[in-house]
Amino acid sequence: MTEKAKPIFEKGIFWDVNFENIDYDAKYKFVIERVFERGDVDDIRNCRRYYGDGKVSDVLLNTKFLPETRMYLASAVFDKPVTEFRCYKLRQSNPTLFPY
């Protein structure tokens, strides 16, 4: 069995953890959420290449938080209605003040 090569991500995405010790397979949810939250287009491509669209889509549909712009990006990338995302439903149940 061949081992997949580690994906290449910008180190700044994982600013709060030891980048060299990240276990990409055991902590896949953390990695996928963080890449979609803070990564650029190349990081997102590498993430999708490494984990596959099915796994990435499942994680993002069930994540508790994504910035609004990234939530809509994930919706467009995976062709899923934004209303299916858990983070969207949580945001609707906890409205914030109207942004002037």
N, C-alpha and C. Protein backbone atom coordinates (compact mmCIF):
# COMPACT_ATOMS: atom_id res chain seq x y z
N MET A 1 0.84 -1.18 0.00
CA MET A 1 0.00 0.00 0.00
C MET A 1 0.89 1.25 0.00
N THR A 2 0.64 2.15 -0.91
CA THR A 2 1.43 3.37 -0.97
C THR A 2 0.81 4.45 -0.11
N GLU A 3 1.67 5.23 0.51
CA GLU A 3 1.21 6.30 1.38
C GLU A 3 1.04 7.57 0.56
N LYS A 4 -0.06 8.27 0.78
CA LYS A 4 -0.30 9.52 0.06
C LYS A 4 0.69 10.58 0.53
N ALA A 5 1.15 11.39 -0.41
CA ALA A 5 2.03 12.49 -0.05
C ALA A 5 1.24 13.53 0.72
N LYS A 6 1.87 14.12 1.73
CA LYS A 6 1.20 15.15 2.52
C LYS A 6 0.84 16.33 1.63
N PRO A 7 -0.32 16.92 1.86
CA PRO A 7 -0.67 18.11 1.08
C PRO A 7 0.20 19.29 1.52
N ILE A 8 0.37 20.23 0.63
CA ILE A 8 1.18 21.40 0.93
C ILE A 8 0.24 22.56 1.25
N PHE A 9 0.31 23.05 2.49
CA PHE A 9 -0.52 24.17 2.92
C PHE A 9 0.37 25.30 3.40
N GLU A 10 -0.16 26.50 3.35
CA GLU A 10 0.51 27.67 3.90
C GLU A 10 0.59 27.50 5.42
N LYS A 11 1.76 27.70 6.00
CA LYS A 11 1.94 27.49 7.44
C LYS A 11 1.08 28.42 8.28
N GLY A 12 0.78 29.60 7.77
CA GLY A 12 -0.01 30.58 8.51
C GLY A 12 -1.42 30.12 8.82
N ILE A 13 -1.93 29.17 8.07
CA ILE A 13 -3.27 28.64 8.33
C ILE A 13 -3.31 27.97 9.70
N PHE A 14 -2.22 27.32 10.05
CA PHE A 14 -2.13 26.57 11.30
C PHE A 14 -1.21 27.30 12.29
N TRP A 15 -1.44 28.57 12.46
CA TRP A 15 -0.59 29.43 13.27
C TRP A 15 -0.55 29.02 14.74
N ASP A 16 -1.58 28.35 15.24
CA ASP A 16 -1.69 28.07 16.67
C ASP A 16 -1.30 26.64 17.06
N VAL A 17 -0.86 25.84 16.10
CA VAL A 17 -0.43 24.47 16.40
C VAL A 17 0.95 24.24 15.78
N ASN A 18 1.61 23.18 16.22
CA ASN A 18 2.91 22.84 15.66
C ASN A 18 2.69 22.25 14.27
N PHE A 19 3.00 23.02 13.26
CA PHE A 19 2.71 22.66 11.86
C PHE A 19 3.36 21.33 11.47
N GLU A 20 4.56 21.08 11.96
CA GLU A 20 5.29 19.88 11.58
C GLU A 20 4.66 18.60 12.12
N ASN A 21 3.89 18.70 13.21
CA ASN A 21 3.34 17.52 13.87
C ASN A 21 1.87 17.24 13.55
N ILE A 22 1.30 17.94 12.59
CA ILE A 22 -0.10 17.73 12.26
C ILE A 22 -0.28 16.35 11.62
N ASP A 23 -1.19 15.57 12.16
CA ASP A 23 -1.53 14.27 11.60
C ASP A 23 -2.73 14.48 10.67
N TYR A 24 -2.46 14.55 9.38
CA TYR A 24 -3.49 14.91 8.40
C TYR A 24 -4.64 13.90 8.33
N ASP A 25 -4.36 12.65 8.68
CA ASP A 25 -5.42 11.64 8.62
C ASP A 25 -6.24 11.56 9.90
N ALA A 26 -5.59 11.63 11.05
CA ALA A 26 -6.31 11.54 12.32
C ALA A 26 -7.10 12.81 12.61
N LYS A 27 -6.58 13.95 12.21
CA LYS A 27 -7.21 15.25 12.50
C LYS A 27 -7.80 15.87 11.23
N TYR A 28 -8.36 15.04 10.37
CA TYR A 28 -8.83 15.53 9.07
C TYR A 28 -9.92 16.61 9.19
N LYS A 29 -10.80 16.49 10.18
CA LYS A 29 -11.86 17.49 10.33
C LYS A 29 -11.26 18.86 10.65
N PHE A 30 -10.33 18.88 11.58
CA PHE A 30 -9.66 20.13 11.95
C PHE A 30 -8.96 20.74 10.73
N VAL A 31 -8.23 19.91 9.99
CA VAL A 31 -7.46 20.40 8.85
C VAL A 31 -8.40 20.96 7.77
N ILE A 32 -9.45 20.23 7.43
CA ILE A 32 -10.37 20.67 6.39
C ILE A 32 -11.06 21.98 6.80
N GLU A 33 -11.55 22.04 8.03
CA GLU A 33 -12.22 23.26 8.49
C GLU A 33 -11.26 24.45 8.46
N ARG A 34 -10.03 24.24 8.94
CA ARG A 34 -9.07 25.34 9.00
C ARG A 34 -8.67 25.80 7.60
N VAL A 35 -8.48 24.87 6.68
CA VAL A 35 -8.09 25.24 5.31
C VAL A 35 -9.21 26.06 4.66
N PHE A 36 -10.46 25.64 4.82
CA PHE A 36 -11.56 26.40 4.22
C PHE A 36 -11.79 27.72 4.92
N GLU A 37 -11.47 27.79 6.21
CA GLU A 37 -11.66 29.03 6.95
C GLU A 37 -10.59 30.06 6.62
N ARG A 38 -9.32 29.63 6.47
CA ARG A 38 -8.21 30.57 6.35
C ARG A 38 -7.35 30.43 5.10
N GLY A 39 -7.55 29.36 4.33
CA GLY A 39 -6.66 29.10 3.21
C GLY A 39 -7.03 29.87 1.95
N ASP A 40 -6.08 29.89 1.00
CA ASP A 40 -6.36 30.51 -0.29
C ASP A 40 -6.77 29.42 -1.29
N VAL A 41 -6.93 29.79 -2.53
CA VAL A 41 -7.42 28.86 -3.55
C VAL A 41 -6.52 27.63 -3.68
N ASP A 42 -5.21 27.83 -3.67
CA ASP A 42 -4.28 26.69 -3.80
C ASP A 42 -4.39 25.74 -2.61
N ASP A 43 -4.55 26.30 -1.42
CA ASP A 43 -4.71 25.46 -0.22
C ASP A 43 -5.98 24.62 -0.32
N ILE A 44 -7.06 25.24 -0.77
CA ILE A 44 -8.34 24.53 -0.91
C ILE A 44 -8.22 23.44 -1.97
N ARG A 45 -7.55 23.72 -3.06
CA ARG A 45 -7.34 22.70 -4.10
C ARG A 45 -6.54 21.52 -3.56
N ASN A 46 -5.47 21.80 -2.82
CA ASN A 46 -4.65 20.73 -2.25
C ASN A 46 -5.45 19.91 -1.24
N CYS A 47 -6.29 20.55 -0.49
CA CYS A 47 -7.14 19.87 0.49
C CYS A 47 -8.11 18.93 -0.23
N ARG A 48 -8.76 19.41 -1.27
CA ARG A 48 -9.71 18.59 -2.03
C ARG A 48 -8.99 17.43 -2.72
N ARG A 49 -7.79 17.67 -3.21
CA ARG A 49 -7.01 16.62 -3.87
C ARG A 49 -6.63 15.52 -2.89
N TYR A 50 -6.24 15.91 -1.68
CA TYR A 50 -5.77 14.94 -0.69
C TYR A 50 -6.93 14.13 -0.09
N TYR A 51 -7.99 14.82 0.30
CA TYR A 51 -9.09 14.14 1.01
C TYR A 51 -10.22 13.66 0.10
N GLY A 52 -10.35 14.25 -1.07
CA GLY A 52 -11.46 13.90 -1.96
C GLY A 52 -12.68 14.76 -1.65
N ASP A 53 -13.46 15.07 -2.67
CA ASP A 53 -14.60 15.97 -2.51
C ASP A 53 -15.66 15.42 -1.56
N GLY A 54 -15.86 14.11 -1.55
CA GLY A 54 -16.88 13.54 -0.68
C GLY A 54 -16.59 13.79 0.79
N LYS A 55 -15.36 13.53 1.20
CA LYS A 55 -14.97 13.71 2.60
C LYS A 55 -14.99 15.19 2.98
N VAL A 56 -14.46 16.04 2.11
CA VAL A 56 -14.41 17.48 2.39
C VAL A 56 -15.83 18.03 2.50
N SER A 57 -16.69 17.64 1.59
CA SER A 57 -18.08 18.09 1.60
C SER A 57 -18.79 17.66 2.88
N ASP A 58 -18.62 16.41 3.29
CA ASP A 58 -19.24 15.92 4.52
C ASP A 58 -18.80 16.72 5.74
N VAL A 59 -17.51 16.99 5.83
CA VAL A 59 -16.99 17.75 6.98
C VAL A 59 -17.57 19.15 6.98
N LEU A 60 -17.57 19.81 5.83
CA LEU A 60 -18.05 21.20 5.78
C LEU A 60 -19.55 21.31 6.00
N LEU A 61 -20.30 20.32 5.56
CA LEU A 61 -21.75 20.35 5.80
C LEU A 61 -22.07 20.24 7.29
N ASN A 62 -21.17 19.65 8.07
CA ASN A 62 -21.43 19.43 9.49
C ASN A 62 -20.62 20.31 10.44
N THR A 63 -19.81 21.21 9.90
CA THR A 63 -19.00 22.07 10.76
C THR A 63 -19.88 23.12 11.44
N LYS A 64 -19.48 23.50 12.66
CA LYS A 64 -20.27 24.47 13.42
C LYS A 64 -20.05 25.90 12.98
N PHE A 65 -18.86 26.20 12.43
CA PHE A 65 -18.59 27.58 12.05
C PHE A 65 -17.74 27.65 10.80
N LEU A 66 -18.16 28.51 9.90
CA LEU A 66 -17.36 28.98 8.77
C LEU A 66 -17.70 30.45 8.59
N PRO A 67 -16.72 31.29 8.26
CA PRO A 67 -17.07 32.67 7.94
C PRO A 67 -18.10 32.68 6.80
N GLU A 68 -18.94 33.68 6.79
CA GLU A 68 -20.03 33.71 5.82
C GLU A 68 -19.55 33.58 4.38
N THR A 69 -18.48 34.28 4.02
CA THR A 69 -17.99 34.21 2.65
C THR A 69 -17.50 32.80 2.30
N ARG A 70 -16.87 32.13 3.27
CA ARG A 70 -16.35 30.78 3.02
C ARG A 70 -17.49 29.76 2.97
N MET A 71 -18.56 30.04 3.70
CA MET A 71 -19.73 29.16 3.66
C MET A 71 -20.33 29.20 2.25
N TYR A 72 -20.44 30.39 1.68
CA TYR A 72 -20.98 30.51 0.32
C TYR A 72 -20.02 29.92 -0.72
N LEU A 73 -18.72 30.05 -0.48
CA LEU A 73 -17.73 29.44 -1.36
C LEU A 73 -17.88 27.91 -1.36
N ALA A 74 -17.99 27.33 -0.17
CA ALA A 74 -18.16 25.87 -0.07
C ALA A 74 -19.46 25.44 -0.74
N SER A 75 -20.49 26.24 -0.60
CA SER A 75 -21.77 25.94 -1.23
C SER A 75 -21.62 25.90 -2.76
N ALA A 76 -20.88 26.85 -3.30
CA ALA A 76 -20.67 26.90 -4.75
C ALA A 76 -19.75 25.78 -5.23
N VAL A 77 -18.69 25.52 -4.49
CA VAL A 77 -17.71 24.50 -4.89
C VAL A 77 -18.35 23.12 -4.94
N PHE A 78 -19.16 22.80 -3.95
CA PHE A 78 -19.73 21.46 -3.85
C PHE A 78 -21.16 21.38 -4.36
N ASP A 79 -21.67 22.49 -4.92
CA ASP A 79 -23.01 22.53 -5.51
C ASP A 79 -24.07 22.04 -4.53
N LYS A 80 -23.99 22.55 -3.30
CA LYS A 80 -24.96 22.24 -2.25
C LYS A 80 -25.63 23.55 -1.85
N PRO A 81 -26.93 23.52 -1.60
CA PRO A 81 -27.59 24.75 -1.12
C PRO A 81 -27.01 25.16 0.23
N VAL A 82 -26.83 26.44 0.42
CA VAL A 82 -26.24 26.94 1.66
C VAL A 82 -27.09 26.55 2.86
N THR A 83 -28.37 26.33 2.64
CA THR A 83 -29.28 25.97 3.74
C THR A 83 -29.00 24.57 4.29
N GLU A 84 -28.21 23.76 3.58
CA GLU A 84 -27.87 22.42 4.06
C GLU A 84 -26.69 22.44 5.04
N PHE A 85 -25.98 23.55 5.12
CA PHE A 85 -24.81 23.65 5.97
C PHE A 85 -25.21 23.90 7.42
N ARG A 86 -24.64 23.11 8.32
CA ARG A 86 -24.95 23.25 9.74
C ARG A 86 -24.60 24.66 10.23
N CYS A 87 -23.48 25.20 9.77
CA CYS A 87 -23.08 26.54 10.22
C CYS A 87 -24.09 27.60 9.78
N TYR A 88 -24.74 27.39 8.65
CA TYR A 88 -25.78 28.32 8.20
C TYR A 88 -26.99 28.24 9.12
N LYS A 89 -27.40 27.02 9.47
CA LYS A 89 -28.55 26.84 10.36
C LYS A 89 -28.28 27.44 11.74
N LEU A 90 -27.07 27.24 12.25
CA LEU A 90 -26.72 27.80 13.55
C LEU A 90 -26.70 29.33 13.50
N ARG A 91 -26.24 29.86 12.39
CA ARG A 91 -26.20 31.32 12.24
C ARG A 91 -27.61 31.90 12.21
N GLN A 92 -28.56 31.17 11.60
CA GLN A 92 -29.95 31.63 11.54
C GLN A 92 -30.61 31.60 12.92
N SER A 93 -30.22 30.65 13.74
CA SER A 93 -30.83 30.54 15.07
C SER A 93 -30.21 31.49 16.08
N ASN A 94 -29.09 32.11 15.72
CA ASN A 94 -28.43 33.08 16.59
C ASN A 94 -28.16 34.37 15.81
N PRO A 95 -29.20 35.12 15.47
CA PRO A 95 -28.99 36.34 14.67
C PRO A 95 -28.20 37.39 15.44
N THR A 96 -27.42 38.16 14.71
CA THR A 96 -26.64 39.23 15.31
C THR A 96 -27.31 40.56 14.97
N LEU A 97 -26.74 41.63 15.45
CA LEU A 97 -27.26 42.94 15.13
C LEU A 97 -27.15 43.22 13.64
N PHE A 98 -28.03 44.02 13.13
CA PHE A 98 -28.02 44.35 11.71
C PHE A 98 -26.75 45.15 11.41
N PRO A 99 -25.95 44.70 10.43
CA PRO A 99 -24.70 45.44 10.13
C PRO A 99 -24.99 46.67 9.28
N TYR A 100 -24.82 47.85 9.86
CA TYR A 100 -25.09 49.10 9.14
C TYR A 100 -24.02 49.36 8.11
